[in-house]
PDB file of all heavy atoms in Angstrom:
ATOM      1  N   SER A   1     106.130 100.618  92.864  1.00  0.00           N
ATOM      2  CA  SER A   1     105.629 101.464  93.943  1.00  0.00           C
ATOM      3  C   SER A   1     106.610 102.549  94.355  1.00  0.00           C
ATOM      4  O   SER A   1     106.342 103.308  95.283  1.00  0.00           O
ATOM      5  CB  SER A   1     105.315 100.603  95.166  1.00  0.00           C
ATOM      6  OG  SER A   1     106.495  99.943  95.607  1.00  0.00           O
ATOM      7  N   ALA A   2     107.731 102.669  93.673  1.00  0.00           N
ATOM      8  CA  ALA A   2     108.756 103.618  94.110  1.00  0.00           C
ATOM      9  C   ALA A   2     108.293 105.065  94.042  1.00  0.00           C
ATOM     10  O   ALA A   2     108.774 105.922  94.773  1.00  0.00           O
ATOM     11  CB  ALA A   2     110.017 103.445  93.264  1.00  0.00           C
ATOM     12  N   LEU A   3     107.342 105.350  93.160  1.00  0.00           N
ATOM     13  CA  LEU A   3     106.872 106.724  93.003  1.00  0.00           C
ATOM     14  C   LEU A   3     105.654 107.031  93.844  1.00  0.00           C
ATOM     15  O   LEU A   3     105.171 108.158  93.846  1.00  0.00           O
ATOM     16  CB  LEU A   3     106.542 106.992  91.527  1.00  0.00           C
ATOM     17  CG  LEU A   3     107.710 106.888  90.551  1.00  0.00           C
ATOM     18  CD1 LEU A   3     107.212 107.043  89.126  1.00  0.00           C
ATOM     19  CD2 LEU A   3     108.764 107.932  90.856  1.00  0.00           C
ATOM     20  N   VAL A   4     105.123 106.047  94.525  1.00  0.00           N
ATOM     21  CA  VAL A   4     103.896 106.226  95.286  1.00  0.00           C
ATOM     22  C   VAL A   4     104.239 106.712  96.691  1.00  0.00           C
ATOM     23  O   VAL A   4     105.135 106.192  97.337  1.00  0.00           O
ATOM     24  CB  VAL A   4     103.094 104.918  95.353  1.00  0.00           C
ATOM     25  CG1 VAL A   4     101.807 105.121  96.140  1.00  0.00           C
ATOM     26  CG2 VAL A   4     102.797 104.430  93.951  1.00  0.00           C
ATOM     27  N   SER A   5     103.529 107.729  97.140  1.00  0.00           N
ATOM     28  CA  SER A   5     103.827 108.321  98.449  1.00  0.00           C
ATOM     29  C   SER A   5     103.439 107.393  99.582  1.00  0.00           C
ATOM     30  O   SER A   5     102.339 106.869  99.606  1.00  0.00           O
ATOM     31  CB  SER A   5     103.058 109.633  98.630  1.00  0.00           C
ATOM     32  OG  SER A   5     103.600 110.628  97.813  1.00  0.00           O
ATOM     33  N   ALA A   6     104.356 107.200 100.509  1.00  0.00           N
ATOM     34  CA  ALA A   6     103.967 106.673 101.807  1.00  0.00           C
ATOM     35  C   ALA A   6     103.453 107.856 102.608  1.00  0.00           C
ATOM     36  O   ALA A   6     103.789 109.003 102.329  1.00  0.00           O
ATOM     37  CB  ALA A   6     105.171 106.045 102.489  1.00  0.00           C
ATOM     38  N   PRO A   7     102.591 107.612 103.596  1.00  0.00           N
ATOM     39  CA  PRO A   7     102.136 108.733 104.424  1.00  0.00           C
ATOM     40  C   PRO A   7     103.328 109.479 105.020  1.00  0.00           C
ATOM     41  O   PRO A   7     104.210 108.880 105.624  1.00  0.00           O
ATOM     42  CB  PRO A   7     101.297 108.054 105.505  1.00  0.00           C
ATOM     43  CG  PRO A   7     100.825 106.785 104.868  1.00  0.00           C
ATOM     44  CD  PRO A   7     101.967 106.347 103.981  1.00  0.00           C
ATOM     45  N   LEU A   8     103.381 110.786 104.808  1.00  0.00           N
ATOM     46  CA  LEU A   8     104.508 111.579 105.263  1.00  0.00           C
ATOM     47  C   LEU A   8     104.117 112.395 106.483  1.00  0.00           C
ATOM     48  O   LEU A   8     103.007 112.901 106.581  1.00  0.00           O
ATOM     49  CB  LEU A   8     104.983 112.518 104.147  1.00  0.00           C
ATOM     50  CG  LEU A   8     105.436 111.822 102.854  1.00  0.00           C
ATOM     51  CD1 LEU A   8     105.801 112.857 101.805  1.00  0.00           C
ATOM     52  CD2 LEU A   8     106.621 110.917 103.134  1.00  0.00           C
ATOM     53  N   SER A   9     105.033 112.537 107.408  1.00  0.00           N
ATOM     54  CA  SER A   9     104.756 113.289 108.621  1.00  0.00           C
ATOM     55  C   SER A   9     105.056 114.759 108.409  1.00  0.00           C
ATOM     56  O   SER A   9     106.072 115.113 107.820  1.00  0.00           O
ATOM     57  CB  SER A   9     105.609 112.754 109.774  1.00  0.00           C
ATOM     58  OG  SER A   9     105.507 113.590 110.901  1.00  0.00           O
ATOM     59  N   THR A  10     104.183 115.618 108.880  1.00  0.00           N
ATOM     60  CA  THR A  10     104.430 117.055 108.854  1.00  0.00           C
ATOM     61  C   THR A  10     104.563 117.592 110.271  1.00  0.00           C
ATOM     62  O   THR A  10     104.323 118.765 110.520  1.00  0.00           O
ATOM     63  CB  THR A  10     103.278 117.781 108.129  1.00  0.00           C
ATOM     64  OG1 THR A  10     102.053 117.410 108.746  1.00  0.00           O
ATOM     65  CG2 THR A  10     103.230 117.413 106.672  1.00  0.00           C
ATOM     66  N   SER A  11     104.971 116.720 111.166  1.00  0.00           N
ATOM     67  CA  SER A  11     105.034 117.117 112.569  1.00  0.00           C
ATOM     68  C   SER A  11     106.088 118.192 112.808  1.00  0.00           C
ATOM     69  O   SER A  11     106.074 118.867 113.822  1.00  0.00           O
ATOM     70  CB  SER A  11     105.338 115.900 113.459  1.00  0.00           C
ATOM     71  OG  SER A  11     106.561 115.298 113.068  1.00  0.00           O
ATOM     72  N   GLY A  12     107.007 118.359 111.858  1.00  0.00           N
ATOM     73  CA  GLY A  12     108.033 119.374 112.023  1.00  0.00           C
ATOM     74  C   GLY A  12     107.543 120.774 111.739  1.00  0.00           C
ATOM     75  O   GLY A  12     108.258 121.738 111.966  1.00  0.00           O
ATOM     76  N   ILE A  13     106.345 120.923 111.228  1.00  0.00           N
ATOM     77  CA  ILE A  13     105.793 122.236 110.948  1.00  0.00           C
ATOM     78  C   ILE A  13     104.978 122.685 112.150  1.00  0.00           C
ATOM     79  O   ILE A  13     103.992 122.066 112.508  1.00  0.00           O
ATOM     80  CB  ILE A  13     104.908 122.212 109.694  1.00  0.00           C
ATOM     81  CG1 ILE A  13     105.703 121.693 108.490  1.00  0.00           C
ATOM     82  CG2 ILE A  13     104.356 123.587 109.392  1.00  0.00           C
ATOM     83  CD1 ILE A  13     104.886 121.614 107.225  1.00  0.00           C
ATOM     84  N   THR A  14     105.399 123.756 112.756  1.00  0.00           N
ATOM     85  CA  THR A  14     104.705 124.255 113.939  1.00  0.00           C
ATOM     86  C   THR A  14     104.089 125.602 113.620  1.00  0.00           C
ATOM     87  O   THR A  14     104.807 126.578 113.435  1.00  0.00           O
ATOM     88  CB  THR A  14     105.666 124.401 115.126  1.00  0.00           C
ATOM     89  OG1 THR A  14     106.297 123.139 115.360  1.00  0.00           O
ATOM     90  CG2 THR A  14     104.914 124.836 116.376  1.00  0.00           C
ATOM     91  N   PRO A  15     102.775 125.685 113.550  1.00  0.00           N
ATOM     92  CA  PRO A  15     102.141 126.961 113.249  1.00  0.00           C
ATOM     93  C   PRO A  15     102.175 127.895 114.450  1.00  0.00           C
ATOM     94  O   PRO A  15     102.469 127.485 115.571  1.00  0.00           O
ATOM     95  CB  PRO A  15     100.707 126.567 112.904  1.00  0.00           C
ATOM     96  CG  PRO A  15     100.490 125.324 113.690  1.00  0.00           C
ATOM     97  CD  PRO A  15     101.818 124.605 113.749  1.00  0.00           C
ATOM     98  N   SER A  16     101.844 129.147 114.176  1.00  0.00           N
ATOM     99  CA  SER A  16     101.904 130.142 115.239  1.00  0.00           C
ATOM    100  C   SER A  16     100.681 130.106 116.140  1.00  0.00           C
ATOM    101  O   SER A  16     100.725 130.557 117.266  1.00  0.00           O
ATOM    102  CB  SER A  16     102.036 131.540 114.622  1.00  0.00           C
ATOM    103  OG  SER A  16     100.917 131.806 113.797  1.00  0.00           O
ATOM    104  N   ALA A  17      99.571 129.587 115.631  1.00  0.00           N
ATOM    105  CA  ALA A  17      98.335 129.644 116.413  1.00  0.00           C
ATOM    106  C   ALA A  17      97.657 128.288 116.453  1.00  0.00           C
ATOM    107  O   ALA A  17      97.908 127.475 117.330  1.00  0.00           O
ATOM    108  CB  ALA A  17      97.408 130.702 115.817  1.00  0.00           C
ATOM    109  N   THR A  18      96.802 128.027 115.480  1.00  0.00           N
ATOM    110  CA  THR A  18      96.036 126.785 115.483  1.00  0.00           C
ATOM    111  C   THR A  18      96.863 125.641 114.921  1.00  0.00           C
ATOM    112  O   THR A  18      97.793 125.847 114.151  1.00  0.00           O
ATOM    113  CB  THR A  18      94.770 126.952 114.643  1.00  0.00           C
ATOM    114  OG1 THR A  18      95.154 127.335 113.319  1.00  0.00           O
ATOM    115  CG2 THR A  18      93.880 128.019 115.223  1.00  0.00           C
ATOM    116  N   PRO A  19      96.539 124.396 115.281  1.00  0.00           N
ATOM    117  CA  PRO A  19      97.292 123.263 114.755  1.00  0.00           C
ATOM    118  C   PRO A  19      97.016 123.046 113.279  1.00  0.00           C
ATOM    119  O   PRO A  19      95.963 123.397 112.770  1.00  0.00           O
ATOM    120  CB  PRO A  19      96.774 122.074 115.586  1.00  0.00           C
ATOM    121  CG  PRO A  19      95.413 122.499 116.019  1.00  0.00           C
ATOM    122  CD  PRO A  19      95.494 123.982 116.224  1.00  0.00           C
ATOM    123  N   LEU A  20      97.983 122.476 112.605  1.00  0.00           N
ATOM    124  CA  LEU A  20      97.788 122.141 111.199  1.00  0.00           C
ATOM    125  C   LEU A  20      96.700 121.090 111.063  1.00  0.00           C
ATOM    126  O   LEU A  20      96.520 120.254 111.948  1.00  0.00           O
ATOM    127  CB  LEU A  20      99.093 121.599 110.598  1.00  0.00           C
ATOM    128  CG  LEU A  20     100.193 122.627 110.327  1.00  0.00           C
ATOM    129  CD1 LEU A  20     101.485 121.917 109.995  1.00  0.00           C
ATOM    130  CD2 LEU A  20      99.793 123.547 109.200  1.00  0.00           C
ATOM    131  N   PRO A  21      95.989 121.086 109.945  1.00  0.00           N
ATOM    132  CA  PRO A  21      94.915 120.101 109.767  1.00  0.00           C
ATOM    133  C   PRO A  21      95.478 118.749 109.356  1.00  0.00           C
ATOM    134  O   PRO A  21      95.199 118.243 108.277  1.00  0.00           O
ATOM    135  CB  PRO A  21      94.075 120.733 108.649  1.00  0.00           C
ATOM    136  CG  PRO A  21      95.067 121.504 107.844  1.00  0.00           C
ATOM    137  CD  PRO A  21      96.060 122.034 108.830  1.00  0.00           C
ATOM    138  N   LEU A  22      96.313 118.185 110.211  1.00  0.00           N
ATOM    139  CA  LEU A  22      96.926 116.905 109.893  1.00  0.00           C
ATOM    140  C   LEU A  22      95.932 115.778 110.135  1.00  0.00           C
ATOM    141  O   LEU A  22      95.043 115.868 110.966  1.00  0.00           O
ATOM    142  CB  LEU A  22      98.174 116.673 110.751  1.00  0.00           C
ATOM    143  CG  LEU A  22      99.256 117.752 110.646  1.00  0.00           C
ATOM    144  CD1 LEU A  22     100.470 117.339 111.457  1.00  0.00           C
ATOM    145  CD2 LEU A  22      99.638 117.987 109.205  1.00  0.00           C
ATOM    146  N   HIS A  23      96.121 114.705 109.406  1.00  0.00           N
ATOM    147  CA  HIS A  23      95.218 113.576 109.530  1.00  0.00           C
ATOM    148  C   HIS A  23      96.020 112.315 109.785  1.00  0.00           C
ATOM    149  O   HIS A  23      97.134 112.160 109.306  1.00  0.00           O
ATOM    150  CB  HIS A  23      94.387 113.435 108.259  1.00  0.00           C
ATOM    151  CG  HIS A  23      93.609 114.669 107.939  1.00  0.00           C
ATOM    152  ND1 HIS A  23      93.884 115.453 106.846  1.00  0.00           N
ATOM    153  CD2 HIS A  23      92.599 115.275 108.592  1.00  0.00           C
ATOM    154  CE1 HIS A  23      93.061 116.487 106.832  1.00  0.00           C
ATOM    155  NE2 HIS A  23      92.277 116.399 107.880  1.00  0.00           N
ATOM    156  N   LYS A  24      95.438 111.430 110.535  1.00  0.00           N
ATOM    157  CA  LYS A  24      96.113 110.187 110.868  1.00  0.00           C
ATOM    158  C   LYS A  24      96.176 109.273 109.640  1.00  0.00           C
ATOM    159  O   LYS A  24      95.387 109.407 108.721  1.00  0.00           O
ATOM    160  CB  LYS A  24      95.365 109.491 112.002  1.00  0.00           C
ATOM    161  CG  LYS A  24      95.304 110.322 113.285  1.00  0.00           C
ATOM    162  CD  LYS A  24      94.466 109.620 114.335  1.00  0.00           C
ATOM    163  CE  LYS A  24      94.366 110.464 115.596  1.00  0.00           C
ATOM    164  NZ  LYS A  24      93.514 109.825 116.618  1.00  0.00           N
ATOM    165  N   PRO A  25      97.121 108.305 109.613  1.00  0.00           N
ATOM    166  CA  PRO A  25      97.206 107.379 108.485  1.00  0.00           C
ATOM    167  C   PRO A  25      95.928 106.596 108.224  1.00  0.00           C
ATOM    168  O   PRO A  25      95.772 106.015 107.168  1.00  0.00           O
ATOM    169  CB  PRO A  25      98.364 106.456 108.879  1.00  0.00           C
ATOM    170  CG  PRO A  25      99.204 107.277 109.801  1.00  0.00           C
ATOM    171  CD  PRO A  25      98.229 108.132 110.559  1.00  0.00           C
ATOM    172  N   THR A  26      95.018 106.559 109.193  1.00  0.00           N
ATOM    173  CA  THR A  26      93.752 105.858 108.982  1.00  0.00           C
ATOM    174  C   THR A  26      92.778 106.683 108.158  1.00  0.00           C
ATOM    175  O   THR A  26      91.686 106.225 107.857  1.00  0.00           O
ATOM    176  CB  THR A  26      93.106 105.513 110.328  1.00  0.00           C
ATOM    177  OG1 THR A  26      93.025 106.699 111.126  1.00  0.00           O
ATOM    178  CG2 THR A  26      93.927 104.479 111.061  1.00  0.00           C
ATOM    179  N   GLY A  27      93.146 107.893 107.800  1.00  0.00           N
ATOM    180  CA  GLY A  27      92.288 108.718 106.958  1.00  0.00           C
ATOM    181  C   GLY A  27      91.911 110.016 107.629  1.00  0.00           C
ATOM    182  O   GLY A  27      92.251 110.260 108.787  1.00  0.00           O
ATOM    183  N   PRO A  28      91.209 110.865 106.908  1.00  0.00           N
ATOM    184  CA  PRO A  28      90.825 112.174 107.439  1.00  0.00           C
ATOM    185  C   PRO A  28      90.011 112.050 108.712  1.00  0.00           C
ATOM    186  O   PRO A  28      89.117 111.214 108.813  1.00  0.00           O
ATOM    187  CB  PRO A  28      89.985 112.782 106.305  1.00  0.00           C
ATOM    188  CG  PRO A  28      90.445 112.075 105.077  1.00  0.00           C
ATOM    189  CD  PRO A  28      90.798 110.688 105.513  1.00  0.00           C
ATOM    190  N   THR A  29      90.331 112.886 109.677  1.00  0.00           N
ATOM    191  CA  THR A  29      89.603 112.876 110.933  1.00  0.00           C
ATOM    192  C   THR A  29      88.371 113.764 110.818  1.00  0.00           C
ATOM    193  O   THR A  29      88.122 114.388 109.809  1.00  0.00           O
ATOM    194  CB  THR A  29      90.503 113.395 112.072  1.00  0.00           C
ATOM    195  OG1 THR A  29      90.750 114.791 111.848  1.00  0.00           O
ATOM    196  CG2 THR A  29      91.812 112.647 112.108  1.00  0.00           C
ATOM    197  N   THR A  30      87.642 113.843 111.890  1.00  0.00           N
ATOM    198  CA  THR A  30      86.438 114.672 111.895  1.00  0.00           C
ATOM    199  C   THR A  30      86.724 116.095 112.366  1.00  0.00           C
ATOM    200  O   THR A  30      85.813 116.875 112.560  1.00  0.00           O
ATOM    201  CB  THR A  30      85.373 114.057 112.821  1.00  0.00           C
ATOM    202  OG1 THR A  30      85.938 113.904 114.131  1.00  0.00           O
ATOM    203  CG2 THR A  30      84.923 112.712 112.305  1.00  0.00           C
TER     204      THR A  30
END
């Protein structure tokens, strides 16, 4: 499993206007 991605946080990316389309570890949101 060493090559398999764990869910990674992109909270450090702050856009200038709208929020990034981030999704929770439970899967894509609506």
